[in-house]
C-alpha cells in the first residue's frame, strides 16, 4: 500500500460555500477516494500555510488513480494549491537504506574517481 499525505487550501468559493452550508467534508473525500480504490485514513483542518491535510492509503502502483481523484477535487473549484507527498514507514526506509548501502559500493559520484 502507498500512503499519500495531501495538503491544500480552500478557495474563496469553497470557504463561502462551507460558511453558507457547514458540513464535515470527510465523508465526501472518503467517497472520492473509495471511488478510485483508496482509503481515507485521516482528514484534518489545519492552521498555517495549508487549510487541510488528508492521509490516504492506496494500492501500490495506482498513483494515477489517486491523481485522478485529486484532479477531480481541484477541478471542483473548492480547493487548490494541492501538495501531495508519498510517505513510507520507517521499516520501509530501513530497507531502502540497506539497498543504498549495497548500491553505494559500486556507484561513483560525479567528479569522483574510484
PDB file of N, CA and C in Angstrom:
ATOM      1  N   UNK A   1       0.844  -1.188   0.000  1.00  0.00           N
ATOM      2  CA  UNK A   1       0.000   0.000   0.000  1.00  0.00           C
ATOM      3  C   UNK A   1       0.887   1.248   0.000  1.00  0.00           C
ATOM      4  N   UNK A   2       0.391   2.287  -0.611  1.00  0.00           N
ATOM      5  CA  UNK A   2       1.093   3.562  -0.648  1.00  0.00           C
ATOM      6  C   UNK A   2       0.329   4.565   0.204  1.00  0.00           C
ATOM      7  N   UNK A   3       1.071   5.343   0.977  1.00  0.00           N
ATOM      8  CA  UNK A   3       0.479   6.390   1.812  1.00  0.00           C
ATOM      9  C   UNK A   3       0.707   7.736   1.134  1.00  0.00           C
ATOM     10  N   UNK A   4      -0.369   8.486   0.968  1.00  0.00           N
ATOM     11  CA  UNK A   4      -0.321   9.827   0.378  1.00  0.00           C
ATOM     12  C   UNK A   4      -0.713  10.834   1.444  1.00  0.00           C
ATOM     13  N   UNK A   5       0.125  11.827   1.654  1.00  0.00           N
ATOM     14  CA  UNK A   5      -0.219  12.944   2.538  1.00  0.00           C
ATOM     15  C   UNK A   5      -0.528  14.115   1.614  1.00  0.00           C
ATOM     16  N   UNK A   6      -1.771  14.570   1.645  1.00  0.00           N
ATOM     17  CA  UNK A   6      -2.218  15.628   0.744  1.00  0.00           C
ATOM     18  C   UNK A   6      -2.570  16.860   1.569  1.00  0.00           C
ATOM     19  N   UNK A   7      -1.939  17.974   1.222  1.00  0.00           N
ATOM     20  CA  UNK A   7      -2.250  19.251   1.853  1.00  0.00           C
ATOM     21  C   UNK A   7      -2.820  20.173   0.782  1.00  0.00           C
ATOM     22  N   UNK A   8      -3.666  21.087   1.202  1.00  0.00           N
ATOM     23  CA  UNK A   8      -4.240  22.008   0.238  1.00  0.00           C
ATOM     24  C   UNK A   8      -4.878  23.195   0.918  1.00  0.00           C
ATOM     25  N   UNK A   9      -5.387  24.080   0.093  1.00  0.00           N
ATOM     26  CA  UNK A   9      -6.057  25.288   0.580  1.00  0.00           C
ATOM     27  C   UNK A   9      -7.467  25.321   0.025  1.00  0.00           C
ATOM     28  N   UNK A  10      -8.383  25.824   0.829  1.00  0.00           N
ATOM     29  CA  UNK A  10      -9.728  26.064   0.342  1.00  0.00           C
ATOM     30  C   UNK A  10      -9.715  27.336  -0.490  1.00  0.00           C
ATOM     31  N   UNK A  11     -10.443  27.341  -1.575  1.00  0.00           N
ATOM     32  CA  UNK A  11     -10.580  28.560  -2.373  1.00  0.00           C
ATOM     33  C   UNK A  11     -11.586  29.483  -1.689  1.00  0.00           C
ATOM     34  N   UNK A  12     -11.639  30.713  -2.133  1.00  0.00           N
ATOM     35  CA  UNK A  12     -12.629  31.654  -1.592  1.00  0.00           C
ATOM     36  C   UNK A  12     -14.037  31.108  -1.795  1.00  0.00           C
ATOM     37  N   UNK A  13     -14.305  30.548  -2.972  1.00  0.00           N
ATOM     38  CA  UNK A  13     -15.629  29.966  -3.225  1.00  0.00           C
ATOM     39  C   UNK A  13     -15.898  28.784  -2.296  1.00  0.00           C
ATOM     40  N   UNK A  14     -14.882  27.980  -2.058  1.00  0.00           N
ATOM     41  CA  UNK A  14     -15.037  26.852  -1.153  1.00  0.00           C
ATOM     42  C   UNK A  14     -15.369  27.301   0.261  1.00  0.00           C
ATOM     43  N   UNK A  15     -14.686  28.318   0.729  1.00  0.00           N
ATOM     44  CA  UNK A  15     -14.941  28.842   2.076  1.00  0.00           C
ATOM     45  C   UNK A  15     -16.338  29.437   2.159  1.00  0.00           C
ATOM     46  N   UNK A  16     -16.720  30.205   1.144  1.00  0.00           N
ATOM     47  CA  UNK A  16     -18.072  30.785   1.130  1.00  0.00           C
ATOM     48  C   UNK A  16     -19.127  29.673   1.184  1.00  0.00           C
ATOM     49  N   UNK A  17     -18.916  28.616   0.418  1.00  0.00           N
ATOM     50  CA  UNK A  17     -19.866  27.507   0.402  1.00  0.00           C
ATOM     51  C   UNK A  17     -19.945  26.802   1.745  1.00  0.00           C
ATOM     52  N   UNK A  18     -18.808  26.623   2.412  1.00  0.00           N
ATOM     53  CA  UNK A  18     -18.814  25.938   3.710  1.00  0.00           C
ATOM     54  C   UNK A  18     -19.433  26.801   4.807  1.00  0.00           C
ATOM     55  N   UNK A  19     -19.303  28.118   4.677  1.00  0.00           N
ATOM     56  CA  UNK A  19     -19.951  29.013   5.646  1.00  0.00           C
ATOM     57  C   UNK A  19     -21.462  29.001   5.427  1.00  0.00           C
ATOM     58  N   UNK A  20     -21.869  29.056   4.158  1.00  0.00           N
ATOM     59  CA  UNK A  20     -23.300  29.057   3.847  1.00  0.00           C
ATOM     60  C   UNK A  20     -23.961  27.732   4.203  1.00  0.00           C
ATOM     61  N   UNK A  21     -23.227  26.631   4.013  1.00  0.00           N
ATOM     62  CA  UNK A  21     -23.758  25.283   4.276  1.00  0.00           C
ATOM     63  C   UNK A  21     -22.688  24.475   5.014  1.00  0.00           C
ATOM     64  N   UNK A  22     -22.517  24.712   6.322  1.00  0.00           N
ATOM     65  CA  UNK A  22     -21.476  23.996   7.069  1.00  0.00           C
ATOM     66  C   UNK A  22     -21.635  22.480   6.961  1.00  0.00           C
ATOM     67  N   UNK A  23     -20.511  21.809   6.728  1.00  0.00           N
ATOM     68  CA  UNK A  23     -20.541  20.355   6.630  1.00  0.00           C
ATOM     69  C   UNK A  23     -19.166  19.789   6.938  1.00  0.00           C
ATOM     70  N   UNK A  24     -19.151  18.554   7.367  1.00  0.00           N
ATOM     71  CA  UNK A  24     -17.926  17.796   7.544  1.00  0.00           C
ATOM     72  C   UNK A  24     -17.559  17.248   6.171  1.00  0.00           C
ATOM     73  N   UNK A  25     -16.440  17.671   5.609  1.00  0.00           N
ATOM     74  CA  UNK A  25     -16.065  17.254   4.259  1.00  0.00           C
ATOM     75  C   UNK A  25     -15.468  15.852   4.195  1.00  0.00           C
ATOM     76  N   UNK A  26     -15.152  15.257   5.348  1.00  0.00           N
ATOM     77  CA  UNK A  26     -14.522  13.941   5.351  1.00  0.00           C
ATOM     78  C   UNK A  26     -15.352  12.880   4.606  1.00  0.00           C
ATOM     79  N   UNK A  27     -16.667  12.807   4.793  1.00  0.00           N
ATOM     80  CA  UNK A  27     -17.425  11.789   4.047  1.00  0.00           C
ATOM     81  C   UNK A  27     -17.319  11.947   2.524  1.00  0.00           C
ATOM     82  N   UNK A  28     -17.321  13.177   2.039  1.00  0.00           N
ATOM     83  CA  UNK A  28     -17.208  13.404   0.595  1.00  0.00           C
ATOM     84  C   UNK A  28     -15.821  12.995   0.094  1.00  0.00           C
ATOM     85  N   UNK A  29     -14.797  13.326   0.857  1.00  0.00           N
ATOM     86  CA  UNK A  29     -13.433  12.952   0.469  1.00  0.00           C
ATOM     87  C   UNK A  29     -13.273  11.433   0.553  1.00  0.00           C
ATOM     88  N   UNK A  30     -13.847  10.822   1.583  1.00  0.00           N
ATOM     89  CA  UNK A  30     -13.790   9.364   1.730  1.00  0.00           C
ATOM     90  C   UNK A  30     -14.411   8.682   0.495  1.00  0.00           C
ATOM     91  N   UNK A  31     -15.585   9.149   0.090  1.00  0.00           N
ATOM     92  CA  UNK A  31     -16.259   8.572  -1.073  1.00  0.00           C
ATOM     93  C   UNK A  31     -15.438   8.770  -2.348  1.00  0.00           C
ATOM     94  N   UNK A  32     -14.827   9.941  -2.496  1.00  0.00           N
ATOM     95  CA  UNK A  32     -13.989  10.219  -3.663  1.00  0.00           C
ATOM     96  C   UNK A  32     -12.826   9.236  -3.721  1.00  0.00           C
ATOM     97  N   UNK A  33     -12.162   9.038  -2.601  1.00  0.00           N
ATOM     98  CA  UNK A  33     -11.012   8.130  -2.560  1.00  0.00           C
ATOM     99  C   UNK A  33     -11.440   6.672  -2.758  1.00  0.00           C
ATOM    100  N   UNK A  34     -12.550   6.288  -2.164  1.00  0.00           N
ATOM    101  CA  UNK A  34     -13.041   4.918  -2.344  1.00  0.00           C
ATOM    102  C   UNK A  34     -13.390   4.661  -3.805  1.00  0.00           C
ATOM    103  N   UNK A  35     -13.786   5.719  -4.514  1.00  0.00           N
ATOM    104  CA  UNK A  35     -14.109   5.590  -5.932  1.00  0.00           C
ATOM    105  C   UNK A  35     -12.919   5.202  -6.793  1.00  0.00           C
ATOM    106  N   UNK A  36     -11.711   5.398  -6.271  1.00  0.00           N
ATOM    107  CA  UNK A  36     -10.505   5.002  -7.015  1.00  0.00           C
ATOM    108  C   UNK A  36      -9.756   3.876  -6.299  1.00  0.00           C
ATOM    109  N   UNK A  37     -10.428   3.222  -5.351  1.00  0.00           N
ATOM    110  CA  UNK A  37      -9.822   2.094  -4.661  1.00  0.00           C
ATOM    111  C   UNK A  37      -8.883   2.452  -3.529  1.00  0.00           C
ATOM    112  N   UNK A  38      -8.935   3.701  -3.075  1.00  0.00           N
ATOM    113  CA  UNK A  38      -8.079   4.153  -1.976  1.00  0.00           C
ATOM    114  C   UNK A  38      -8.921   4.317  -0.714  1.00  0.00           C
ATOM    115  N   UNK A  39      -8.257   4.543   0.400  1.00  0.00           N
ATOM    116  CA  UNK A  39      -8.954   4.666   1.679  1.00  0.00           C
ATOM    117  C   UNK A  39      -8.499   5.944   2.389  1.00  0.00           C
ATOM    118  N   UNK A  40      -9.460   6.771   2.774  1.00  0.00           N
ATOM    119  CA  UNK A  40      -9.147   7.965   3.565  1.00  0.00           C
ATOM    120  C   UNK A  40      -8.868   7.509   4.993  1.00  0.00           C
ATOM    121  N   UNK A  41      -7.657   7.749   5.446  1.00  0.00           N
ATOM    122  CA  UNK A  41      -7.278   7.366   6.814  1.00  0.00           C
ATOM    123  C   UNK A  41      -7.595   8.499   7.798  1.00  0.00           C
ATOM    124  N   UNK A  42      -7.262   9.741   7.410  1.00  0.00           N
ATOM    125  CA  UNK A  42      -7.483  10.903   8.275  1.00  0.00           C
ATOM    126  C   UNK A  42      -7.747  12.140   7.422  1.00  0.00           C
ATOM    127  N   UNK A  43      -8.564  13.023   7.951  1.00  0.00           N
ATOM    128  CA  UNK A  43      -8.843  14.321   7.312  1.00  0.00           C
ATOM    129  C   UNK A  43      -8.761  15.364   8.417  1.00  0.00           C
ATOM    130  N   UNK A  44      -7.863  16.302   8.279  1.00  0.00           N
ATOM    131  CA  UNK A  44      -7.670  17.345   9.286  1.00  0.00           C
ATOM    132  C   UNK A  44      -7.836  18.725   8.665  1.00  0.00           C
ATOM    133  N   UNK A  45      -8.433  19.630   9.400  1.00  0.00           N
ATOM    134  CA  UNK A  45      -8.420  21.046   9.044  1.00  0.00           C
ATOM    135  C   UNK A  45      -7.266  21.635   9.844  1.00  0.00           C
ATOM    136  N   UNK A  46      -6.409  22.402   9.173  1.00  0.00           N
ATOM    137  CA  UNK A  46      -5.165  22.833   9.793  1.00  0.00           C
ATOM    138  C   UNK A  46      -4.996  24.349   9.756  1.00  0.00           C
ATOM    139  N   UNK A  47      -4.135  24.832  10.606  1.00  0.00           N
ATOM    140  CA  UNK A  47      -3.740  26.235  10.621  1.00  0.00           C
ATOM    141  C   UNK A  47      -2.433  26.361   9.841  1.00  0.00           C
ATOM    142  N   UNK A  48      -2.155  27.558   9.354  1.00  0.00           N
ATOM    143  CA  UNK A  48      -0.869  27.780   8.704  1.00  0.00           C
ATOM    144  C   UNK A  48      -0.987  27.890   7.204  1.00  0.00           C
ATOM    145  N   UNK A  49       0.066  27.457   6.529  1.00  0.00           N
ATOM    146  CA  UNK A  49       0.158  27.599   5.077  1.00  0.00           C
ATOM    147  C   UNK A  49      -0.949  26.837   4.345  1.00  0.00           C
ATOM    148  N   UNK A  50      -1.355  25.690   4.897  1.00  0.00           N
ATOM    149  CA  UNK A  50      -2.400  24.878   4.281  1.00  0.00           C
ATOM    150  C   UNK A  50      -3.619  24.836   5.182  1.00  0.00           C
ATOM    151  N   UNK A  51      -4.798  24.707   4.559  1.00  0.00           N
ATOM    152  CA  UNK A  51      -6.062  24.693   5.291  1.00  0.00           C
ATOM    153  C   UNK A  51      -6.497  23.290   5.698  1.00  0.00           C
ATOM    154  N   UNK A  52      -5.999  22.281   4.999  1.00  0.00           N
ATOM    155  CA  UNK A  52      -6.375  20.915   5.340  1.00  0.00           C
ATOM    156  C   UNK A  52      -5.248  19.959   4.997  1.00  0.00           C
ATOM    157  N   UNK A  53      -5.322  18.780   5.618  1.00  0.00           N
ATOM    158  CA  UNK A  53      -4.380  17.712   5.338  1.00  0.00           C
ATOM    159  C   UNK A  53      -5.148  16.392   5.396  1.00  0.00           C
ATOM    160  N   UNK A  54      -4.941  15.560   4.407  1.00  0.00           N
ATOM    161  CA  UNK A  54      -5.532  14.233   4.424  1.00  0.00           C
ATOM    162  C   UNK A  54      -4.419  13.201   4.359  1.00  0.00           C
ATOM    163  N   UNK A  55      -4.684  12.057   4.940  1.00  0.00           N
ATOM    164  CA  UNK A  55      -3.781  10.918   4.817  1.00  0.00           C
ATOM    165  C   UNK A  55      -4.601   9.812   4.167  1.00  0.00           C
ATOM    166  N   UNK A  56      -4.132   9.369   3.015  1.00  0.00           N
ATOM    167  CA  UNK A  56      -4.854   8.407   2.184  1.00  0.00           C
ATOM    168  C   UNK A  56      -3.956   7.199   1.947  1.00  0.00           C
ATOM    169  N   UNK A  57      -4.562   6.029   1.966  1.00  0.00           N
ATOM    170  CA  UNK A  57      -3.839   4.799   1.666  1.00  0.00           C
ATOM    171  C   UNK A  57      -4.413   4.216   0.386  1.00  0.00           C
ATOM    172  N   UNK A  58      -3.530   3.904  -0.552  1.00  0.00           N
ATOM    173  CA  UNK A  58      -3.990   3.344  -1.815  1.00  0.00           C
ATOM    174  C   UNK A  58      -3.117   2.195  -2.255  1.00  0.00           C
ATOM    175  N   UNK A  59      -3.625   1.358  -3.135  1.00  0.00           N
ATOM    176  CA  UNK A  59      -2.835   0.230  -3.622  1.00  0.00           C
ATOM    177  C   UNK A  59      -1.553   0.706  -4.305  1.00  0.00           C
ATOM    178  N   UNK A  60      -0.464  -0.002  -4.051  1.00  0.00           N
ATOM    179  CA  UNK A  60       0.804   0.334  -4.703  1.00  0.00           C
ATOM    180  C   UNK A  60       0.632   0.257  -6.215  1.00  0.00           C
ATOM    181  N   UNK A  61       1.223   1.201  -6.900  1.00  0.00           N
ATOM    182  CA  UNK A  61       1.148   1.218  -8.353  1.00  0.00           C
ATOM    183  C   UNK A  61      -0.094   1.887  -8.916  1.00  0.00           C
ATOM    184  N   UNK A  62      -0.921   2.463  -8.048  1.00  0.00           N
ATOM    185  CA  UNK A  62      -2.152   3.106  -8.506  1.00  0.00           C
ATOM    186  C   UNK A  62      -2.090   4.629  -8.335  1.00  0.00           C
ATOM    187  N   UNK A  63      -0.906   5.177  -8.508  1.00  0.00           N
ATOM    188  CA  UNK A  63      -0.729   6.620  -8.341  1.00  0.00           C
ATOM    189  C   UNK A  63      -1.611   7.419  -9.287  1.00  0.00           C
ATOM    190  N   UNK A  64      -1.802   6.917 -10.502  1.00  0.00           N
ATOM    191  CA  UNK A  64      -2.620   7.631 -11.487  1.00  0.00           C
ATOM    192  C   UNK A  64      -4.073   7.723 -11.018  1.00  0.00           C
ATOM    193  N   UNK A  65      -4.562   6.692 -10.356  1.00  0.00           N
ATOM    194  CA  UNK A  65      -5.933   6.712  -9.843  1.00  0.00           C
ATOM    195  C   UNK A  65      -6.087   7.756  -8.745  1.00  0.00           C
ATOM    196  N   UNK A  66      -5.128   7.789  -7.827  1.00  0.00           N
ATOM    197  CA  UNK A  66      -5.182   8.793  -6.756  1.00  0.00           C
ATOM    198  C   UNK A  66      -5.047  10.186  -7.356  1.00  0.00           C
ATOM    199  N   UNK A  67      -4.183  10.334  -8.355  1.00  0.00           N
ATOM    200  CA  UNK A  67      -4.046  11.623  -9.029  1.00  0.00           C
ATOM    201  C   UNK A  67      -5.374  12.053  -9.651  1.00  0.00           C
ATOM    202  N   UNK A  68      -6.098  11.113 -10.244  1.00  0.00           N
ATOM    203  CA  UNK A  68      -7.398  11.427 -10.850  1.00  0.00           C
ATOM    204  C   UNK A  68      -8.353  11.976  -9.798  1.00  0.00           C
ATOM    205  N   UNK A  69      -8.361  11.367  -8.608  1.00  0.00           N
ATOM    206  CA  UNK A  69      -9.233  11.848  -7.528  1.00  0.00           C
ATOM    207  C   UNK A  69      -8.836  13.256  -7.105  1.00  0.00           C
ATOM    208  N   UNK A  70      -7.538  13.500  -7.001  1.00  0.00           N
ATOM    209  CA  UNK A  70      -7.075  14.834  -6.603  1.00  0.00           C
ATOM    210  C   UNK A  70      -7.394  15.876  -7.668  1.00  0.00           C
ATOM    211  N   UNK A  71      -7.265  15.501  -8.929  1.00  0.00           N
ATOM    212  CA  UNK A  71      -7.629  16.427 -10.010  1.00  0.00           C
ATOM    213  C   UNK A  71      -9.123  16.729  -9.987  1.00  0.00           C
ATOM    214  N   UNK A  72      -9.932  15.719  -9.706  1.00  0.00           N
ATOM    215  CA  UNK A  72     -11.376  15.943  -9.597  1.00  0.00           C
ATOM    216  C   UNK A  72     -11.686  16.905  -8.460  1.00  0.00           C
ATOM    217  N   UNK A  73     -11.007  16.740  -7.325  1.00  0.00           N
ATOM    218  CA  UNK A  73     -11.225  17.643  -6.187  1.00  0.00           C
ATOM    219  C   UNK A  73     -10.827  19.067  -6.550  1.00  0.00           C
ATOM    220  N   UNK A  74      -9.658  19.228  -7.162  1.00  0.00           N
ATOM    221  CA  UNK A  74      -9.209  20.564  -7.550  1.00  0.00           C
ATOM    222  C   UNK A  74     -10.111  21.157  -8.625  1.00  0.00           C
ATOM    223  N   UNK A  75     -10.578  20.308  -9.538  1.00  0.00           N
ATOM    224  CA  UNK A  75     -11.451  20.772 -10.607  1.00  0.00           C
ATOM    225  C   UNK A  75     -12.819  21.228 -10.122  1.00  0.00           C
ATOM    226  N   UNK A  76     -13.183  20.829  -8.910  1.00  0.00           N
ATOM    227  CA  UNK A  76     -14.477  21.247  -8.353  1.00  0.00           C
ATOM    228  C   UNK A  76     -14.504  22.731  -8.032  1.00  0.00           C
ATOM    229  N   UNK A  77     -13.328  23.323  -7.904  1.00  0.00           N
ATOM    230  CA  UNK A  77     -13.249  24.754  -7.595  1.00  0.00           C
ATOM    231  C   UNK A  77     -13.234  25.067  -6.110  1.00  0.00           C
ATOM    232  N   UNK A  78     -13.399  24.069  -5.245  1.00  0.00           N
ATOM    233  CA  UNK A  78     -13.445  24.319  -3.805  1.00  0.00           C
ATOM    234  C   UNK A  78     -12.102  24.269  -3.114  1.00  0.00           C
ATOM    235  N   UNK A  79     -11.124  23.624  -3.758  1.00  0.00           N
ATOM    236  CA  UNK A  79      -9.786  23.509  -3.173  1.00  0.00           C
ATOM    237  C   UNK A  79      -8.740  23.803  -4.227  1.00  0.00           C
ATOM    238  N   UNK A  80      -7.558  24.133  -3.775  1.00  0.00           N
ATOM    239  CA  UNK A  80      -6.453  24.398  -4.680  1.00  0.00           C
ATOM    240  C   UNK A  80      -5.128  24.266  -3.958  1.00  0.00           C
ATOM    241  N   UNK A  81      -4.064  24.572  -4.668  1.00  0.00           N
ATOM    242  CA  UNK A  81      -2.708  24.511  -4.119  1.00  0.00           C
ATOM    243  C   UNK A  81      -2.444  23.172  -3.447  1.00  0.00           C
ATOM    244  N   UNK A  82      -2.803  22.088  -4.127  1.00  0.00           N
ATOM    245  CA  UNK A  82      -2.615  20.759  -3.554  1.00  0.00           C
ATOM    246  C   UNK A  82      -1.132  20.383  -3.582  1.00  0.00           C
ATOM    247  N   UNK A  83      -0.690  19.822  -2.488  1.00  0.00           N
ATOM    248  CA  UNK A  83       0.677  19.329  -2.351  1.00  0.00           C
ATOM    249  C   UNK A  83       0.566  17.888  -1.869  1.00  0.00           C
ATOM    250  N   UNK A  84       1.095  16.962  -2.645  1.00  0.00           N
ATOM    251  CA  UNK A  84       0.985  15.547  -2.304  1.00  0.00           C
ATOM    252  C   UNK A  84       2.374  14.977  -2.041  1.00  0.00           C
ATOM    253  N   UNK A  85       2.504  14.283  -0.930  1.00  0.00           N
ATOM    254  CA  UNK A  85       3.750  13.639  -0.549  1.00  0.00           C
ATOM    255  C   UNK A  85       3.479  12.154  -0.364  1.00  0.00           C
ATOM    256  N   UNK A  86       4.316  11.319  -0.941  1.00  0.00           N
ATOM    257  CA  UNK A  86       4.219   9.881  -0.697  1.00  0.00           C
ATOM    258  C   UNK A  86       5.091   9.583   0.512  1.00  0.00           C
ATOM    259  N   UNK A  87       4.522   8.870   1.462  1.00  0.00           N
ATOM    260  CA  UNK A  87       5.235   8.549   2.699  1.00  0.00           C
ATOM    261  C   UNK A  87       5.535   7.054   2.750  1.00  0.00           C
ATOM    262  N   UNK A  88       6.643   6.719   3.404  1.00  0.00           N
ATOM    263  CA  UNK A  88       6.992   5.322   3.641  1.00  0.00           C
ATOM    264  C   UNK A  88       7.190   5.126   5.137  1.00  0.00           C
ATOM    265  N   UNK A  89       6.985   3.912   5.599  1.00  0.00           N
ATOM    266  CA  UNK A  89       7.182   3.616   7.012  1.00  0.00           C
ATOM    267  C   UNK A  89       8.674   3.610   7.331  1.00  0.00           C
ATOM    268  N   UNK A  90       8.994   3.667   8.602  1.00  0.00           N
ATOM    269  CA  UNK A  90      10.407   3.627   8.988  1.00  0.00           C
ATOM    270  C   UNK A  90      11.026   2.272   8.621  1.00  0.00           C
ATOM    271  N   UNK A  91      10.234   1.197   8.671  1.00  0.00           N
ATOM    272  CA  UNK A  91      10.741  -0.116   8.258  1.00  0.00           C
ATOM    273  C   UNK A  91      11.054  -0.127   6.761  1.00  0.00           C
ATOM    274  N   UNK A  92      10.193   0.485   5.960  1.00  0.00           N
ATOM    275  CA  UNK A  92      10.456   0.585   4.519  1.00  0.00           C
ATOM    276  C   UNK A  92      11.690   1.437   4.253  1.00  0.00           C
ATOM    277  N   UNK A  93      11.856   2.508   5.030  1.00  0.00           N
ATOM    278  CA  UNK A  93      13.037   3.354   4.880  1.00  0.00           C
ATOM    279  C   UNK A  93      14.306   2.575   5.225  1.00  0.00           C
ATOM    280  N   UNK A  94      14.229   1.729   6.245  1.00  0.00           N
ATOM    281  CA  UNK A  94      15.382   0.895   6.623  1.00  0.00           C
ATOM    282  C   UNK A  94      15.767  -0.015   5.459  1.00  0.00           C
ATOM    283  N   UNK A  95      14.774  -0.595   4.792  1.00  0.00           N
ATOM    284  CA  UNK A  95      15.051  -1.440   3.626  1.00  0.00           C
ATOM    285  C   UNK A  95      15.710  -0.631   2.508  1.00  0.00           C
ATOM    286  N   UNK A  96      15.259   0.601   2.323  1.00  0.00           N
ATOM    287  CA  UNK A  96      15.866   1.474   1.305  1.00  0.00           C
ATOM    288  C   UNK A  96      17.313   1.790   1.669  1.00  0.00           C
ATOM    289  N   UNK A  97      17.567   2.018   2.955  1.00  0.00           N
ATOM    290  CA  UNK A  97      18.940   2.300   3.404  1.00  0.00           C
ATOM    291  C   UNK A  97      19.849   1.098   3.150  1.00  0.00           C
ATOM    292  N   UNK A  98      19.336  -0.109   3.406  1.00  0.00           N
ATOM    293  CA  UNK A  98      20.120  -1.315   3.153  1.00  0.00           C
ATOM    294  C   UNK A  98      20.408  -1.453   1.655  1.00  0.00           C
ATOM    295  N   UNK A  99      19.407  -1.148   0.837  1.00  0.00           N
ATOM    296  CA  UNK A  99      19.617  -1.181  -0.605  1.00  0.00           C
ATOM    297  C   UNK A  99      20.630  -0.143  -1.056  1.00  0.00           C
ATOM    298  N   UNK A 100      20.562   1.043  -0.469  1.00  0.00           N
ATOM    299  CA  UNK A 100      21.519   2.101  -0.811  1.00  0.00           C
ATOM    300  C   UNK A 100      22.930   1.708  -0.406  1.00  0.00           C
ATOM    301  N   UNK A 101      23.047   1.012   0.720  1.00  0.00           N
ATOM    302  CA  UNK A 101      24.373   0.555   1.177  1.00  0.00           C
ATOM    303  C   UNK A 101      25.000  -0.358   0.130  1.00  0.00           C
ATOM    304  N   UNK A 102      24.206  -1.275  -0.412  1.00  0.00           N
ATOM    305  CA  UNK A 102      24.709  -2.195  -1.438  1.00  0.00           C
ATOM    306  C   UNK A 102      25.083  -1.433  -2.711  1.00  0.00           C
ATOM    307  N   UNK A 103      24.206  -0.520  -3.120  1.00  0.00           N
ATOM    308  CA  UNK A 103      24.446   0.231  -4.357  1.00  0.00           C
ATOM    309  C   UNK A 103      25.631   1.180  -4.248  1.00  0.00           C
ATOM    310  N   UNK A 104      25.842   1.730  -3.055  1.00  0.00           N
ATOM    311  CA  UNK A 104      26.896   2.727  -2.894  1.00  0.00           C
ATOM    312  C   UNK A 104      28.290   2.126  -3.062  1.00  0.00           C
ATOM    313  N   UNK A 105      28.400   0.815  -2.961  1.00  0.00           N
ATOM    314  CA  UNK A 105      29.704   0.159  -3.132  1.00  0.00           C
ATOM    315  C   UNK A 105      30.173   0.225  -4.586  1.00  0.00           C
ATOM    316  N   UNK A 106      29.238   0.295  -5.525  1.00  0.00           N
ATOM    317  CA  UNK A 106      29.615   0.306  -6.938  1.00  0.00           C
ATOM    318  C   UNK A 106      29.317   1.631  -7.640  1.00  0.00           C
ATOM    319  N   UNK A 107      28.665   2.555  -6.947  1.00  0.00           N
ATOM    320  CA  UNK A 107      28.308   3.827  -7.598  1.00  0.00           C
ATOM    321  C   UNK A 107      29.413   4.846  -7.390  1.00  0.00           C
ATOM    322  N   UNK A 108      29.774   5.541  -8.478  1.00  0.00           N
ATOM    323  CA  UNK A 108      30.761   6.596  -8.425  1.00  0.00           C
ATOM    324  C   UNK A 108      30.051   7.926  -8.566  1.00  0.00           C
ATOM    325  N   UNK A 109      30.237   8.795  -7.605  1.00  0.00           N
ATOM    326  CA  UNK A 109      29.624  10.124  -7.643  1.00  0.00           C
ATOM    327  C   UNK A 109      30.282  10.997  -8.695  1.00  0.00           C
ATOM    328  N   UNK A 110      29.566  12.039  -9.121  1.00  0.00           N
ATOM    329  CA  UNK A 110      30.096  12.960 -10.122  1.00  0.00           C
ATOM    330  C   UNK A 110      31.417  13.565  -9.643  1.00  0.00           C
ATOM    331  N   UNK A 111      32.412  13.530 -10.505  1.00  0.00           N
ATOM    332  CA  UNK A 111      33.708  14.127 -10.213  1.00  0.00           C
ATOM    333  C   UNK A 111      34.590  13.292  -9.301  1.00  0.00           C
ATOM    334  N   UNK A 112      34.126  12.117  -8.917  1.00  0.00           N
ATOM    335  CA  UNK A 112      34.924  11.256  -8.043  1.00  0.00           C
ATOM    336  C   UNK A 112      35.608  10.158  -8.856  1.00  0.00           C
ATOM    337  N   UNK A 113      36.769   9.744  -8.374  1.00  0.00           N
ATOM    338  CA  UNK A 113      37.473   8.629  -9.004  1.00  0.00           C
ATOM    339  C   UNK A 113      37.416   7.441  -8.056  1.00  0.00           C
ATOM    340  N   UNK A 114      37.287   6.297  -8.603  1.00  0.00           N
ATOM    341  CA  UNK A 114      37.284   5.076  -7.779  1.00  0.00           C
ATOM    342  C   UNK A 114      38.520   4.276  -8.053  1.00  0.00           C
TER     343      UNK A 114
END
